[in-house]
N, C-alpha and C. Protein backbone atom coordinates (compact mmCIF):
# COMPACT_ATOMS: atom_id res chain seq x y z
N MET A 1 162.77 -33.90 104.64
CA MET A 1 162.40 -33.50 105.99
C MET A 1 161.27 -34.37 106.53
N SER A 2 161.04 -35.50 105.91
CA SER A 2 159.95 -36.38 106.32
C SER A 2 160.19 -36.91 107.73
N THR A 3 159.18 -36.81 108.55
CA THR A 3 159.25 -37.30 109.91
C THR A 3 158.45 -38.59 110.00
N ALA A 4 159.07 -39.64 110.50
CA ALA A 4 158.38 -40.92 110.64
C ALA A 4 157.39 -40.85 111.79
N LEU A 5 156.21 -41.34 111.53
CA LEU A 5 155.17 -41.38 112.55
C LEU A 5 155.18 -42.78 113.16
N THR A 6 155.08 -42.86 114.47
CA THR A 6 155.12 -44.16 115.15
C THR A 6 153.78 -44.46 115.82
N ILE A 7 153.63 -45.70 116.21
CA ILE A 7 152.44 -46.10 116.97
C ILE A 7 152.36 -45.28 118.26
N ALA A 8 153.50 -45.01 118.88
CA ALA A 8 153.52 -44.22 120.12
C ALA A 8 152.96 -42.82 119.86
N ASP A 9 153.25 -42.25 118.69
CA ASP A 9 152.69 -40.93 118.33
C ASP A 9 151.17 -41.02 118.24
N VAL A 10 150.69 -42.06 117.58
CA VAL A 10 149.23 -42.24 117.44
C VAL A 10 148.60 -42.45 118.81
N GLU A 11 149.25 -43.20 119.68
CA GLU A 11 148.71 -43.43 121.02
C GLU A 11 148.67 -42.12 121.82
N ARG A 12 149.69 -41.28 121.66
CA ARG A 12 149.69 -39.98 122.34
C ARG A 12 148.55 -39.10 121.84
N ILE A 13 148.37 -39.06 120.52
CA ILE A 13 147.29 -38.26 119.93
C ILE A 13 145.94 -38.80 120.39
N ALA A 14 145.78 -40.12 120.40
CA ALA A 14 144.52 -40.74 120.84
C ALA A 14 144.25 -40.41 122.30
N ALA A 15 145.29 -40.43 123.12
CA ALA A 15 145.12 -40.10 124.54
C ALA A 15 144.67 -38.66 124.71
N LEU A 16 145.27 -37.75 123.92
CA LEU A 16 144.85 -36.34 124.00
C LEU A 16 143.40 -36.16 123.60
N ALA A 17 142.96 -36.95 122.62
CA ALA A 17 141.58 -36.87 122.14
C ALA A 17 140.65 -37.76 122.95
N GLN A 18 141.19 -38.43 123.97
CA GLN A 18 140.45 -39.35 124.81
C GLN A 18 139.75 -40.43 123.99
N LEU A 19 140.53 -41.03 123.07
CA LEU A 19 140.03 -42.11 122.22
C LEU A 19 140.70 -43.42 122.62
N GLU A 20 139.93 -44.47 122.59
CA GLU A 20 140.49 -45.81 122.79
C GLU A 20 140.51 -46.48 121.42
N LEU A 21 141.69 -46.86 120.98
CA LEU A 21 141.85 -47.45 119.66
C LEU A 21 142.32 -48.89 119.76
N THR A 22 141.84 -49.71 118.84
CA THR A 22 142.34 -51.08 118.74
C THR A 22 143.69 -51.05 118.04
N GLY A 23 144.40 -52.16 118.08
CA GLY A 23 145.68 -52.24 117.38
C GLY A 23 145.53 -52.00 115.89
N GLU A 24 144.45 -52.51 115.32
CA GLU A 24 144.18 -52.32 113.89
C GLU A 24 143.92 -50.85 113.57
N GLU A 25 143.16 -50.19 114.44
CA GLU A 25 142.88 -48.76 114.24
C GLU A 25 144.16 -47.92 114.36
N LYS A 26 145.03 -48.30 115.28
CA LYS A 26 146.29 -47.57 115.44
C LYS A 26 147.12 -47.67 114.17
N GLN A 27 147.18 -48.86 113.58
CA GLN A 27 147.93 -49.04 112.34
C GLN A 27 147.31 -48.20 111.21
N LEU A 28 145.98 -48.25 111.11
CA LEU A 28 145.28 -47.49 110.07
C LEU A 28 145.52 -45.99 110.24
N PHE A 29 145.35 -45.50 111.46
CA PHE A 29 145.52 -44.06 111.70
C PHE A 29 146.97 -43.63 111.53
N MET A 30 147.91 -44.52 111.85
CA MET A 30 149.31 -44.18 111.64
C MET A 30 149.57 -43.96 110.15
N ARG A 31 149.04 -44.83 109.31
CA ARG A 31 149.20 -44.67 107.85
C ARG A 31 148.50 -43.41 107.36
N GLN A 32 147.28 -43.20 107.83
CA GLN A 32 146.51 -42.03 107.37
C GLN A 32 147.17 -40.73 107.81
N LEU A 33 147.60 -40.65 109.06
CA LEU A 33 148.26 -39.43 109.55
C LEU A 33 149.58 -39.21 108.83
N ALA A 34 150.32 -40.28 108.54
CA ALA A 34 151.57 -40.14 107.80
C ALA A 34 151.30 -39.59 106.40
N ASP A 35 150.22 -40.05 105.76
CA ASP A 35 149.85 -39.54 104.43
C ASP A 35 149.49 -38.06 104.51
N ILE A 36 148.77 -37.66 105.54
CA ILE A 36 148.40 -36.25 105.71
C ILE A 36 149.64 -35.40 105.90
N LEU A 37 150.56 -35.86 106.74
CA LEU A 37 151.79 -35.10 106.98
C LEU A 37 152.64 -35.02 105.71
N ALA A 38 152.69 -36.10 104.94
CA ALA A 38 153.44 -36.09 103.69
C ALA A 38 152.83 -35.08 102.71
N TYR A 39 151.51 -35.04 102.66
CA TYR A 39 150.85 -34.07 101.78
C TYR A 39 151.13 -32.64 102.24
N ALA A 40 151.10 -32.41 103.55
CA ALA A 40 151.41 -31.08 104.08
C ALA A 40 152.83 -30.67 103.70
N GLU A 41 153.76 -31.62 103.73
CA GLU A 41 155.14 -31.33 103.31
C GLU A 41 155.19 -30.95 101.83
N GLN A 42 154.40 -31.62 101.00
CA GLN A 42 154.33 -31.28 99.57
C GLN A 42 153.81 -29.86 99.38
N VAL A 43 152.78 -29.52 100.11
CA VAL A 43 152.19 -28.19 99.99
C VAL A 43 153.20 -27.13 100.44
N GLN A 44 153.92 -27.40 101.52
CA GLN A 44 154.91 -26.44 102.01
C GLN A 44 156.05 -26.26 101.02
N ALA A 45 156.31 -27.25 100.19
CA ALA A 45 157.41 -27.17 99.23
C ALA A 45 157.06 -26.33 98.00
N ILE A 46 155.82 -25.96 97.83
CA ILE A 46 155.40 -25.18 96.67
C ILE A 46 155.99 -23.78 96.76
N ASP A 47 156.55 -23.31 95.65
CA ASP A 47 157.14 -21.97 95.60
C ASP A 47 156.00 -20.95 95.47
N THR A 48 155.83 -20.16 96.50
CA THR A 48 154.78 -19.14 96.49
C THR A 48 155.36 -17.74 96.38
N THR A 49 156.59 -17.65 95.90
CA THR A 49 157.21 -16.36 95.71
C THR A 49 156.35 -15.52 94.76
N GLY A 50 156.05 -14.32 95.16
CA GLY A 50 155.25 -13.44 94.33
C GLY A 50 153.75 -13.61 94.47
N VAL A 51 153.33 -14.57 95.25
CA VAL A 51 151.89 -14.78 95.48
C VAL A 51 151.52 -13.99 96.72
N PRO A 52 150.59 -13.04 96.60
CA PRO A 52 150.24 -12.24 97.77
C PRO A 52 149.54 -13.09 98.84
N ALA A 53 149.85 -12.79 100.08
CA ALA A 53 149.22 -13.50 101.19
C ALA A 53 147.75 -13.11 101.27
N THR A 54 146.91 -14.08 101.49
CA THR A 54 145.48 -13.82 101.65
C THR A 54 144.97 -14.59 102.86
N ALA A 55 144.00 -14.02 103.50
CA ALA A 55 143.40 -14.69 104.65
C ALA A 55 142.17 -15.48 104.22
N HIS A 56 141.70 -15.24 103.00
CA HIS A 56 140.48 -15.86 102.53
C HIS A 56 140.55 -15.98 101.02
N VAL A 57 139.97 -17.02 100.46
CA VAL A 57 140.05 -17.20 99.02
C VAL A 57 139.33 -16.11 98.25
N HIS A 58 138.42 -15.42 98.89
CA HIS A 58 137.69 -14.33 98.24
C HIS A 58 138.25 -12.98 98.66
N ALA A 59 139.55 -12.91 98.94
CA ALA A 59 140.16 -11.66 99.38
C ALA A 59 139.87 -10.56 98.36
N GLY A 60 139.51 -9.43 98.87
CA GLY A 60 139.21 -8.31 97.99
C GLY A 60 137.75 -8.24 97.57
N GLN A 61 137.01 -9.31 97.80
CA GLN A 61 135.59 -9.31 97.47
C GLN A 61 134.79 -9.39 98.76
N ARG A 62 133.88 -8.50 98.91
CA ARG A 62 133.05 -8.54 100.12
C ARG A 62 131.79 -9.34 99.82
N THR A 63 131.59 -10.41 100.56
CA THR A 63 130.43 -11.26 100.32
C THR A 63 129.43 -11.22 101.47
N GLU A 64 129.79 -10.54 102.56
CA GLU A 64 128.88 -10.47 103.70
C GLU A 64 127.88 -9.34 103.49
N ARG A 65 126.73 -9.47 104.09
CA ARG A 65 125.75 -8.41 104.03
C ARG A 65 126.10 -7.35 105.08
N GLU A 66 125.57 -6.19 104.91
CA GLU A 66 125.77 -5.13 105.90
C GLU A 66 125.15 -5.56 107.23
N ASP A 67 125.76 -5.16 108.30
CA ASP A 67 125.26 -5.49 109.63
C ASP A 67 124.25 -4.43 110.02
N GLU A 68 123.00 -4.73 109.75
CA GLU A 68 121.93 -3.78 110.04
C GLU A 68 120.98 -4.40 111.07
N PRO A 69 120.61 -3.65 112.07
CA PRO A 69 119.66 -4.19 113.06
C PRO A 69 118.33 -4.53 112.38
N ARG A 70 117.78 -5.66 112.76
CA ARG A 70 116.48 -6.08 112.24
C ARG A 70 115.64 -6.56 113.42
N PRO A 71 114.35 -6.49 113.28
CA PRO A 71 113.50 -6.99 114.38
C PRO A 71 113.64 -8.51 114.50
N SER A 72 113.60 -9.00 115.72
CA SER A 72 113.66 -10.44 115.95
C SER A 72 112.25 -10.97 116.14
N LEU A 73 112.15 -12.28 116.35
CA LEU A 73 110.84 -12.87 116.59
C LEU A 73 110.26 -12.33 117.89
N PRO A 74 108.97 -12.14 117.94
CA PRO A 74 108.35 -11.76 119.21
C PRO A 74 108.54 -12.91 120.21
N LEU A 75 108.66 -12.56 121.49
CA LEU A 75 108.93 -13.54 122.53
C LEU A 75 107.89 -14.66 122.54
N ASN A 76 106.61 -14.32 122.40
CA ASN A 76 105.59 -15.37 122.45
C ASN A 76 105.72 -16.33 121.26
N ALA A 77 106.13 -15.84 120.10
CA ALA A 77 106.35 -16.72 118.95
C ALA A 77 107.58 -17.60 119.16
N THR A 78 108.59 -17.06 119.81
CA THR A 78 109.81 -17.82 120.09
C THR A 78 109.50 -18.97 121.05
N LEU A 79 108.69 -18.72 122.04
CA LEU A 79 108.38 -19.74 123.05
C LEU A 79 107.25 -20.68 122.63
N ALA A 80 106.54 -20.37 121.55
CA ALA A 80 105.36 -21.15 121.16
C ALA A 80 105.68 -22.62 120.92
N ASN A 81 106.82 -22.93 120.33
CA ASN A 81 107.16 -24.32 120.02
C ASN A 81 108.14 -24.94 121.00
N ALA A 82 108.50 -24.21 122.05
CA ALA A 82 109.43 -24.75 123.05
C ALA A 82 108.69 -25.78 123.90
N PRO A 83 109.23 -26.98 124.05
CA PRO A 83 108.52 -28.03 124.78
C PRO A 83 108.43 -27.79 126.28
N ASP A 84 109.36 -27.03 126.85
CA ASP A 84 109.37 -26.84 128.30
C ASP A 84 109.61 -25.36 128.59
N ALA A 85 108.66 -24.53 128.17
CA ALA A 85 108.84 -23.08 128.29
C ALA A 85 108.20 -22.53 129.55
N ASP A 86 108.82 -21.53 130.12
CA ASP A 86 108.24 -20.76 131.20
C ASP A 86 107.89 -19.41 130.57
N ARG A 87 106.69 -19.32 130.05
CA ARG A 87 106.29 -18.13 129.29
C ARG A 87 106.32 -16.85 130.13
N ASP A 88 106.01 -16.98 131.42
CA ASP A 88 106.02 -15.80 132.29
C ASP A 88 107.44 -15.24 132.44
N ALA A 89 108.42 -16.14 132.53
CA ALA A 89 109.81 -15.69 132.70
C ALA A 89 110.48 -15.43 131.35
N GLY A 90 109.85 -15.91 130.25
CA GLY A 90 110.45 -15.73 128.93
C GLY A 90 111.63 -16.65 128.69
N LEU A 91 111.58 -17.83 129.28
CA LEU A 91 112.69 -18.79 129.19
C LEU A 91 112.20 -20.14 128.70
N PHE A 92 113.12 -20.94 128.16
CA PHE A 92 112.80 -22.33 127.87
C PHE A 92 114.00 -23.19 128.22
N ARG A 93 113.71 -24.44 128.56
CA ARG A 93 114.74 -25.37 129.01
C ARG A 93 115.36 -26.06 127.80
N VAL A 94 116.67 -26.24 127.85
CA VAL A 94 117.37 -26.99 126.80
C VAL A 94 118.03 -28.20 127.45
N PRO A 95 118.23 -29.27 126.70
CA PRO A 95 118.85 -30.45 127.29
C PRO A 95 120.30 -30.19 127.66
N ARG A 96 120.75 -30.81 128.75
CA ARG A 96 122.15 -30.70 129.18
C ARG A 96 123.02 -31.43 128.17
N VAL A 97 124.07 -30.78 127.73
CA VAL A 97 124.98 -31.41 126.77
C VAL A 97 126.37 -31.61 127.35
N ILE A 98 126.67 -30.99 128.47
CA ILE A 98 127.96 -31.14 129.12
C ILE A 98 127.74 -31.61 130.54
N GLY A 99 128.48 -32.61 130.94
CA GLY A 99 128.33 -33.11 132.31
C GLY A 99 127.21 -34.12 132.41
N GLY A 100 126.85 -34.45 133.59
CA GLY A 100 125.84 -35.49 133.72
C GLY A 100 125.02 -35.30 134.90
């Protein structure tokens, strides 16, 4: 059931990810993605009959702590190290990460 991966497939994936790739990178990624898909096919071929489905490798074991309310930092301590804080409003400025 192996599906051949083409340069056009890599170009489509790169376009979706908004990546500009050189010809050499396209060849490299085509080989790497083909290897990943081949490995996924190997994994899918494993007989898992009788293996219970699990959502997590630690299924049946609880590793999280209880969700108990705890006091947070006092507002003045939270704002103490903020470089651009408005202490009266209880706010601080963060750098823009989306847009320009």
